[in-house]
N, C-alpha and C. Protein backbone atom coordinates (compact mmCIF):
# COMPACT_ATOMS: atom_id res chain seq x y z
N MET A 1 76.01 10.56 9.38
CA MET A 1 75.92 10.21 10.76
C MET A 1 75.39 8.79 10.89
N ARG A 2 76.01 8.05 11.71
CA ARG A 2 75.68 6.65 11.88
C ARG A 2 74.73 6.46 13.06
N ARG A 3 73.66 5.70 12.87
CA ARG A 3 72.70 5.42 13.95
C ARG A 3 73.12 4.17 14.69
N HIS A 4 73.11 4.26 15.99
CA HIS A 4 73.42 3.09 16.82
C HIS A 4 72.14 2.35 17.13
N ARG A 5 72.16 1.10 16.89
CA ARG A 5 70.99 0.28 17.22
C ARG A 5 71.29 -0.47 18.50
N GLY A 6 70.30 -0.51 19.37
CA GLY A 6 70.47 -1.21 20.64
C GLY A 6 69.84 -0.41 21.76
N PHE A 7 70.06 -0.88 22.97
CA PHE A 7 69.46 -0.26 24.14
C PHE A 7 70.55 0.33 25.01
N THR A 8 70.21 1.40 25.68
CA THR A 8 71.17 1.99 26.62
C THR A 8 71.08 1.22 27.93
N LEU A 9 72.09 1.40 28.75
CA LEU A 9 72.12 0.75 30.05
C LEU A 9 70.92 1.19 30.90
N LEU A 10 70.56 2.43 30.82
CA LEU A 10 69.42 2.95 31.58
C LEU A 10 68.12 2.25 31.16
N GLU A 11 67.90 2.05 29.88
CA GLU A 11 66.70 1.37 29.40
C GLU A 11 66.65 -0.08 29.90
N ILE A 12 67.78 -0.74 29.89
CA ILE A 12 67.84 -2.13 30.36
C ILE A 12 67.53 -2.20 31.85
N VAL A 13 68.10 -1.28 32.64
CA VAL A 13 67.85 -1.26 34.08
C VAL A 13 66.37 -1.00 34.36
N VAL A 14 65.76 -0.08 33.63
CA VAL A 14 64.33 0.22 33.83
C VAL A 14 63.49 -1.02 33.55
N VAL A 15 63.78 -1.74 32.49
CA VAL A 15 63.04 -2.95 32.16
C VAL A 15 63.22 -4.01 33.24
N ILE A 16 64.43 -4.18 33.75
CA ILE A 16 64.68 -5.18 34.81
C ILE A 16 63.91 -4.81 36.08
N VAL A 17 63.89 -3.53 36.43
CA VAL A 17 63.14 -3.09 37.61
C VAL A 17 61.65 -3.34 37.42
N LEU A 18 61.11 -3.06 36.26
CA LEU A 18 59.69 -3.32 35.99
C LEU A 18 59.36 -4.80 36.10
N ILE A 19 60.23 -5.64 35.58
CA ILE A 19 60.02 -7.10 35.67
C ILE A 19 60.05 -7.54 37.12
N ALA A 20 60.97 -7.00 37.91
CA ALA A 20 61.06 -7.36 39.33
C ALA A 20 59.81 -6.94 40.09
N VAL A 21 59.31 -5.75 39.81
CA VAL A 21 58.09 -5.27 40.47
C VAL A 21 56.90 -6.16 40.09
N MET A 22 56.78 -6.48 38.82
CA MET A 22 55.67 -7.34 38.38
C MET A 22 55.77 -8.73 39.01
N ALA A 23 56.97 -9.28 39.09
CA ALA A 23 57.15 -10.60 39.71
C ALA A 23 56.77 -10.57 41.18
N THR A 24 57.10 -9.49 41.87
CA THR A 24 56.75 -9.36 43.28
C THR A 24 55.24 -9.29 43.46
N VAL A 25 54.57 -8.51 42.64
CA VAL A 25 53.11 -8.39 42.72
C VAL A 25 52.45 -9.74 42.44
N ILE A 26 52.92 -10.44 41.45
CA ILE A 26 52.36 -11.76 41.12
C ILE A 26 52.60 -12.74 42.26
N ALA A 27 53.80 -12.74 42.83
CA ALA A 27 54.10 -13.66 43.94
C ALA A 27 53.21 -13.37 45.14
N MET A 28 52.98 -12.10 45.43
CA MET A 28 52.12 -11.75 46.57
C MET A 28 50.68 -12.19 46.33
N SER A 29 50.19 -12.05 45.11
CA SER A 29 48.81 -12.45 44.83
C SER A 29 48.67 -13.97 44.86
N VAL A 30 49.68 -14.69 44.41
CA VAL A 30 49.65 -16.15 44.46
C VAL A 30 49.68 -16.62 45.90
N THR A 31 50.51 -16.00 46.74
CA THR A 31 50.58 -16.37 48.15
C THR A 31 49.24 -16.13 48.84
N GLY A 32 48.61 -15.01 48.54
CA GLY A 32 47.29 -14.74 49.10
C GLY A 32 46.28 -15.77 48.65
N GLY A 33 46.37 -16.19 47.41
CA GLY A 33 45.48 -17.23 46.89
C GLY A 33 45.71 -18.56 47.58
N LEU A 34 46.97 -18.87 47.88
CA LEU A 34 47.28 -20.10 48.60
C LEU A 34 46.72 -20.06 50.02
N ASP A 35 46.84 -18.91 50.68
CA ASP A 35 46.26 -18.78 52.02
C ASP A 35 44.77 -19.02 51.98
N SER A 36 44.09 -18.44 51.02
CA SER A 36 42.65 -18.61 50.90
C SER A 36 42.29 -20.08 50.66
N ALA A 37 43.05 -20.75 49.80
CA ALA A 37 42.79 -22.16 49.52
C ALA A 37 43.02 -23.02 50.76
N ARG A 38 44.07 -22.70 51.52
CA ARG A 38 44.35 -23.47 52.74
C ARG A 38 43.26 -23.28 53.79
N VAL A 39 42.81 -22.03 53.95
CA VAL A 39 41.76 -21.76 54.93
C VAL A 39 40.45 -22.42 54.49
N ARG A 40 40.15 -22.36 53.21
CA ARG A 40 38.93 -23.00 52.70
C ARG A 40 38.99 -24.52 52.93
N ALA A 41 40.13 -25.14 52.67
CA ALA A 41 40.27 -26.59 52.86
C ALA A 41 40.12 -26.95 54.34
N ALA A 42 40.76 -26.20 55.22
CA ALA A 42 40.63 -26.47 56.66
C ALA A 42 39.19 -26.25 57.12
N SER A 43 38.52 -25.25 56.56
CA SER A 43 37.12 -24.99 56.91
C SER A 43 36.22 -26.14 56.48
N ARG A 44 36.51 -26.69 55.33
CA ARG A 44 35.74 -27.86 54.87
C ARG A 44 35.95 -29.04 55.82
N ASP A 45 37.17 -29.21 56.31
CA ASP A 45 37.44 -30.30 57.26
C ASP A 45 36.67 -30.10 58.56
N VAL A 46 36.65 -28.86 59.06
CA VAL A 46 35.90 -28.58 60.29
C VAL A 46 34.40 -28.80 60.06
N ALA A 47 33.90 -28.35 58.92
CA ALA A 47 32.48 -28.56 58.59
C ALA A 47 32.16 -30.05 58.53
N ALA A 48 33.06 -30.84 57.95
CA ALA A 48 32.85 -32.29 57.88
C ALA A 48 32.84 -32.90 59.28
N ALA A 49 33.71 -32.42 60.16
CA ALA A 49 33.75 -32.92 61.54
C ALA A 49 32.45 -32.57 62.27
N LEU A 50 31.94 -31.38 62.04
CA LEU A 50 30.66 -30.99 62.65
C LEU A 50 29.52 -31.86 62.13
N ARG A 51 29.50 -32.11 60.83
CA ARG A 51 28.45 -32.97 60.26
C ARG A 51 28.57 -34.40 60.79
N TYR A 52 29.79 -34.89 60.93
CA TYR A 52 30.02 -36.22 61.48
C TYR A 52 29.47 -36.30 62.91
N THR A 53 29.78 -35.29 63.72
CA THR A 53 29.34 -35.27 65.11
C THR A 53 27.81 -35.22 65.18
N ARG A 54 27.20 -34.43 64.33
CA ARG A 54 25.73 -34.38 64.27
C ARG A 54 25.17 -35.75 63.91
N GLY A 55 25.76 -36.39 62.91
CA GLY A 55 25.32 -37.72 62.50
C GLY A 55 25.45 -38.74 63.62
N GLN A 56 26.54 -38.65 64.39
CA GLN A 56 26.73 -39.57 65.51
C GLN A 56 25.66 -39.35 66.59
N ALA A 57 25.28 -38.11 66.82
CA ALA A 57 24.23 -37.83 67.80
C ALA A 57 22.90 -38.45 67.37
N ILE A 58 22.61 -38.35 66.08
CA ILE A 58 21.35 -38.91 65.56
C ILE A 58 21.38 -40.43 65.60
N VAL A 59 22.46 -41.03 65.12
CA VAL A 59 22.56 -42.49 65.04
C VAL A 59 22.54 -43.14 66.42
N HIS A 60 23.26 -42.55 67.38
CA HIS A 60 23.37 -43.16 68.71
C HIS A 60 22.30 -42.67 69.69
N HIS A 61 21.42 -41.78 69.22
CA HIS A 61 20.33 -41.26 70.05
C HIS A 61 20.83 -40.66 71.36
N GLU A 62 21.94 -39.93 71.28
CA GLU A 62 22.47 -39.26 72.47
C GLU A 62 23.23 -37.99 72.06
N GLN A 63 23.37 -37.08 72.99
CA GLN A 63 24.08 -35.84 72.71
C GLN A 63 25.55 -36.12 72.38
N ARG A 64 26.06 -35.37 71.43
CA ARG A 64 27.49 -35.46 71.07
C ARG A 64 28.02 -34.04 70.91
N THR A 65 29.28 -33.86 71.24
CA THR A 65 29.89 -32.53 71.11
C THR A 65 31.16 -32.60 70.28
N LEU A 66 31.43 -31.51 69.59
CA LEU A 66 32.71 -31.32 68.92
C LEU A 66 33.43 -30.26 69.75
N ALA A 67 34.57 -30.64 70.31
CA ALA A 67 35.32 -29.76 71.21
C ALA A 67 36.36 -28.96 70.43
N PHE A 68 36.53 -27.69 70.82
CA PHE A 68 37.50 -26.80 70.18
C PHE A 68 38.44 -26.23 71.23
N ASN A 69 39.72 -26.19 70.91
CA ASN A 69 40.71 -25.51 71.75
C ASN A 69 41.33 -24.42 70.90
N VAL A 70 40.89 -23.19 71.12
CA VAL A 70 41.34 -22.06 70.30
C VAL A 70 42.83 -21.82 70.48
N ASP A 71 43.32 -21.93 71.72
CA ASP A 71 44.74 -21.66 71.99
C ASP A 71 45.65 -22.66 71.30
N GLU A 72 45.25 -23.92 71.28
CA GLU A 72 46.05 -24.96 70.62
C GLU A 72 45.70 -25.11 69.14
N ARG A 73 44.69 -24.34 68.68
CA ARG A 73 44.24 -24.38 67.29
C ARG A 73 43.88 -25.81 66.88
N SER A 74 43.01 -26.44 67.69
CA SER A 74 42.64 -27.83 67.42
C SER A 74 41.15 -28.04 67.70
N TYR A 75 40.66 -29.17 67.18
CA TYR A 75 39.29 -29.60 67.46
C TYR A 75 39.31 -31.11 67.60
N GLN A 76 38.31 -31.64 68.31
CA GLN A 76 38.28 -33.08 68.56
C GLN A 76 36.86 -33.61 68.46
N MET A 77 36.71 -34.62 67.60
CA MET A 77 35.43 -35.31 67.45
C MET A 77 35.29 -36.35 68.55
N PRO A 78 34.06 -36.79 68.83
CA PRO A 78 33.88 -37.82 69.86
C PRO A 78 34.67 -39.09 69.52
N ASP A 79 35.38 -39.60 70.50
CA ASP A 79 36.15 -40.85 70.38
C ASP A 79 37.23 -40.79 69.30
N LYS A 80 37.73 -39.61 69.00
CA LYS A 80 38.79 -39.45 67.99
C LYS A 80 39.93 -38.63 68.60
N ASP A 81 41.09 -38.69 67.96
CA ASP A 81 42.23 -37.87 68.38
C ASP A 81 42.01 -36.43 67.93
N PRO A 82 42.62 -35.47 68.65
CA PRO A 82 42.50 -34.07 68.24
C PRO A 82 43.11 -33.83 66.86
N VAL A 83 42.52 -32.91 66.13
CA VAL A 83 43.02 -32.50 64.82
C VAL A 83 43.53 -31.07 64.97
N HIS A 84 44.80 -30.85 64.60
CA HIS A 84 45.40 -29.52 64.71
C HIS A 84 45.34 -28.81 63.37
N LEU A 85 45.04 -27.53 63.42
CA LEU A 85 45.02 -26.71 62.21
C LEU A 85 46.45 -26.51 61.70
N PRO A 86 46.60 -26.24 60.41
CA PRO A 86 47.94 -25.99 59.86
C PRO A 86 48.60 -24.79 60.55
N LYS A 87 49.92 -24.81 60.55
CA LYS A 87 50.70 -23.74 61.17
C LYS A 87 50.33 -22.39 60.56
N GLY A 88 50.22 -21.38 61.40
CA GLY A 88 49.92 -20.04 60.94
C GLY A 88 48.44 -19.74 60.80
N MET A 89 47.59 -20.73 61.02
CA MET A 89 46.15 -20.53 60.91
C MET A 89 45.57 -20.27 62.30
N GLU A 90 44.66 -19.33 62.38
CA GLU A 90 44.04 -18.97 63.65
C GLU A 90 42.57 -19.38 63.64
N MET A 91 42.01 -19.52 64.85
CA MET A 91 40.63 -19.96 65.00
C MET A 91 39.91 -19.07 66.02
N GLU A 92 38.65 -18.77 65.73
CA GLU A 92 37.76 -18.12 66.70
C GLU A 92 36.54 -19.00 66.86
N LEU A 93 36.01 -19.07 68.08
CA LEU A 93 34.84 -19.88 68.37
C LEU A 93 33.77 -19.01 69.01
N LEU A 94 32.58 -19.07 68.47
CA LEU A 94 31.42 -18.40 69.05
C LEU A 94 30.38 -19.48 69.32
N THR A 95 30.07 -19.69 70.59
CA THR A 95 29.10 -20.71 70.97
C THR A 95 28.38 -20.24 72.23
N ALA A 96 27.40 -21.00 72.66
CA ALA A 96 26.66 -20.64 73.87
C ALA A 96 27.60 -20.55 75.06
N GLN A 97 27.34 -19.61 75.96
CA GLN A 97 28.19 -19.43 77.14
C GLN A 97 28.31 -20.73 77.94
N SER A 98 27.22 -21.48 78.00
CA SER A 98 27.23 -22.74 78.76
C SER A 98 28.14 -23.79 78.13
N GLU A 99 28.50 -23.60 76.86
CA GLU A 99 29.38 -24.55 76.17
C GLU A 99 30.85 -24.14 76.22
N MET A 100 31.14 -22.99 76.83
CA MET A 100 32.53 -22.58 77.01
C MET A 100 33.05 -23.23 78.28
N LEU A 101 34.00 -24.14 78.15
CA LEU A 101 34.48 -24.92 79.28
C LEU A 101 35.59 -24.21 80.04
N ASP A 102 36.36 -23.41 79.33
CA ASP A 102 37.50 -22.71 79.91
C ASP A 102 37.85 -21.59 78.94
N GLU A 103 38.81 -20.77 79.30
CA GLU A 103 39.26 -19.71 78.40
C GLU A 103 39.84 -20.34 77.13
N GLY A 104 39.21 -20.06 75.99
CA GLY A 104 39.70 -20.60 74.72
C GLY A 104 39.31 -22.04 74.44
N VAL A 105 38.53 -22.64 75.33
CA VAL A 105 38.10 -24.03 75.14
C VAL A 105 36.57 -24.07 75.20
N GLY A 106 35.97 -24.61 74.15
CA GLY A 106 34.52 -24.70 74.11
C GLY A 106 34.09 -25.84 73.20
N GLN A 107 32.78 -25.97 73.05
CA GLN A 107 32.25 -27.06 72.24
C GLN A 107 30.95 -26.65 71.58
N ILE A 108 30.62 -27.36 70.54
CA ILE A 108 29.31 -27.21 69.90
C ILE A 108 28.59 -28.54 70.09
N ARG A 109 27.41 -28.45 70.68
CA ARG A 109 26.64 -29.64 71.07
C ARG A 109 25.56 -29.95 70.04
N PHE A 110 25.41 -31.25 69.75
CA PHE A 110 24.34 -31.73 68.88
C PHE A 110 23.45 -32.67 69.69
N TYR A 111 22.15 -32.62 69.40
CA TYR A 111 21.17 -33.41 70.13
C TYR A 111 20.67 -34.56 69.24
N PRO A 112 20.05 -35.59 69.85
CA PRO A 112 19.61 -36.77 69.09
C PRO A 112 18.64 -36.47 67.95
N ASP A 113 17.90 -35.37 68.04
CA ASP A 113 16.97 -35.02 66.97
C ASP A 113 17.65 -34.24 65.84
N GLY A 114 18.97 -34.04 65.94
CA GLY A 114 19.72 -33.33 64.90
C GLY A 114 19.90 -31.86 65.17
N SER A 115 19.17 -31.32 66.15
CA SER A 115 19.33 -29.91 66.46
C SER A 115 20.65 -29.68 67.18
N SER A 116 20.94 -28.42 67.46
CA SER A 116 22.24 -28.08 68.01
C SER A 116 22.12 -26.90 68.96
N GLY A 117 23.16 -26.70 69.74
CA GLY A 117 23.28 -25.49 70.55
C GLY A 117 23.68 -24.31 69.69
N GLY A 118 24.08 -24.58 68.46
CA GLY A 118 24.47 -23.53 67.52
C GLY A 118 25.87 -23.01 67.79
N GLY A 119 26.37 -22.27 66.83
CA GLY A 119 27.69 -21.67 67.00
C GLY A 119 28.31 -21.31 65.67
N ARG A 120 29.48 -20.71 65.78
CA ARG A 120 30.22 -20.33 64.58
C ARG A 120 31.72 -20.48 64.85
N VAL A 121 32.41 -21.09 63.89
CA VAL A 121 33.86 -21.23 63.95
C VAL A 121 34.42 -20.42 62.79
N THR A 122 35.39 -19.56 63.08
CA THR A 122 36.03 -18.75 62.05
C THR A 122 37.50 -19.16 61.96
N LEU A 123 37.94 -19.46 60.75
CA LEU A 123 39.35 -19.79 60.50
C LEU A 123 39.98 -18.67 59.69
N MET A 124 41.21 -18.29 60.06
CA MET A 124 41.89 -17.17 59.40
C MET A 124 43.37 -17.48 59.20
N ARG A 125 43.87 -16.95 58.11
CA ARG A 125 45.31 -16.96 57.86
C ARG A 125 45.60 -15.79 56.93
N GLY A 126 46.40 -14.85 57.41
CA GLY A 126 46.64 -13.64 56.63
C GLY A 126 45.32 -12.91 56.42
N GLU A 127 45.04 -12.55 55.20
CA GLU A 127 43.79 -11.87 54.87
C GLU A 127 42.65 -12.85 54.59
N ALA A 128 42.98 -14.12 54.44
CA ALA A 128 41.97 -15.14 54.13
C ALA A 128 41.16 -15.47 55.38
N ARG A 129 39.85 -15.67 55.19
CA ARG A 129 38.96 -15.90 56.32
C ARG A 129 37.73 -16.68 55.83
N TRP A 130 37.38 -17.74 56.54
CA TRP A 130 36.16 -18.51 56.25
C TRP A 130 35.45 -18.80 57.57
N GLU A 131 34.14 -18.93 57.49
CA GLU A 131 33.33 -19.21 58.67
C GLU A 131 32.53 -20.48 58.46
N ILE A 132 32.37 -21.22 59.55
CA ILE A 132 31.52 -22.40 59.55
C ILE A 132 30.41 -22.11 60.57
N GLU A 133 29.19 -22.10 60.10
CA GLU A 133 28.06 -21.75 60.97
C GLU A 133 27.20 -22.99 61.22
N VAL A 134 26.79 -23.16 62.48
CA VAL A 134 25.89 -24.25 62.86
C VAL A 134 24.60 -23.61 63.35
N GLU A 135 23.49 -23.90 62.66
CA GLU A 135 22.19 -23.35 63.04
C GLU A 135 21.68 -24.09 64.27
N TRP A 136 21.19 -23.35 65.24
CA TRP A 136 20.79 -23.98 66.49
C TRP A 136 19.54 -24.83 66.36
N LEU A 137 18.58 -24.43 65.55
CA LEU A 137 17.32 -25.16 65.48
C LEU A 137 17.45 -26.46 64.70
N THR A 138 18.11 -26.40 63.55
CA THR A 138 18.18 -27.57 62.68
C THR A 138 19.50 -28.33 62.79
N GLY A 139 20.53 -27.69 63.31
CA GLY A 139 21.85 -28.31 63.36
C GLY A 139 22.56 -28.28 62.01
N LYS A 140 21.96 -27.60 61.05
CA LYS A 140 22.56 -27.52 59.71
C LYS A 140 23.91 -26.80 59.77
N VAL A 141 24.89 -27.37 59.08
CA VAL A 141 26.24 -26.81 59.04
C VAL A 141 26.43 -26.14 57.68
N ARG A 142 26.84 -24.86 57.72
CA ARG A 142 27.06 -24.11 56.48
C ARG A 142 28.46 -23.52 56.47
N LEU A 143 29.09 -23.59 55.32
CA LEU A 143 30.40 -23.00 55.10
C LEU A 143 30.18 -21.64 54.44
N LEU A 144 30.69 -20.57 55.06
CA LEU A 144 30.44 -19.22 54.58
C LEU A 144 31.74 -18.52 54.21
N ASP A 145 31.76 -17.92 53.04
CA ASP A 145 32.86 -17.06 52.62
C ASP A 145 32.46 -15.64 52.99
N PRO A 146 33.11 -15.04 53.99
CA PRO A 146 32.72 -13.70 54.42
C PRO A 146 32.86 -12.64 53.33
N ASN A 147 33.59 -12.93 52.28
CA ASN A 147 33.72 -11.99 51.17
C ASN A 147 32.47 -11.92 50.32
N GLU A 148 31.62 -12.94 50.43
CA GLU A 148 30.35 -12.94 49.71
C GLU A 148 29.29 -12.37 50.62
N THR A 149 28.43 -11.54 50.08
CA THR A 149 27.37 -10.96 50.89
C THR A 149 26.17 -11.89 50.86
N ASP A 150 25.60 -12.09 52.04
CA ASP A 150 24.36 -12.86 52.14
C ASP A 150 23.59 -12.35 53.34
N ASP A 151 22.34 -12.70 53.41
CA ASP A 151 21.50 -12.27 54.52
C ASP A 151 21.58 -13.32 55.62
N ARG A 152 22.24 -12.95 56.70
CA ARG A 152 22.37 -13.88 57.82
C ARG A 152 21.42 -13.49 58.90
């Protein structure tokens, strides 16, 4: 009796299906990683804008605000053009009620001594999410990964 060496059509199809499933899983994880990187980068930009605005308040000895438009997904530094978030990214703003100018429009205020009205900006895209927190007493700006546990 002669032995046939090789693979059957069924074995080849099973291997191709397994490769396709693995490629899909890898592609989905890479896409999620890209979303996280994009949200983190945009969060760093917002944090830098907040720090800039705080610095301007201190240097010029006057109150300065960073304005946010949640509906248009944008923010604007004093005397600068608005900056729009990348497509598909969402924003939430938590600030003092007195700093909410309209539905979806608000600001975070900094004072000449460096303190602030405080607030939190959350950026999201897909499952990725980052928060930028402004402490009211010190005006300190912190970038927070909500996936990490910390005592807030």
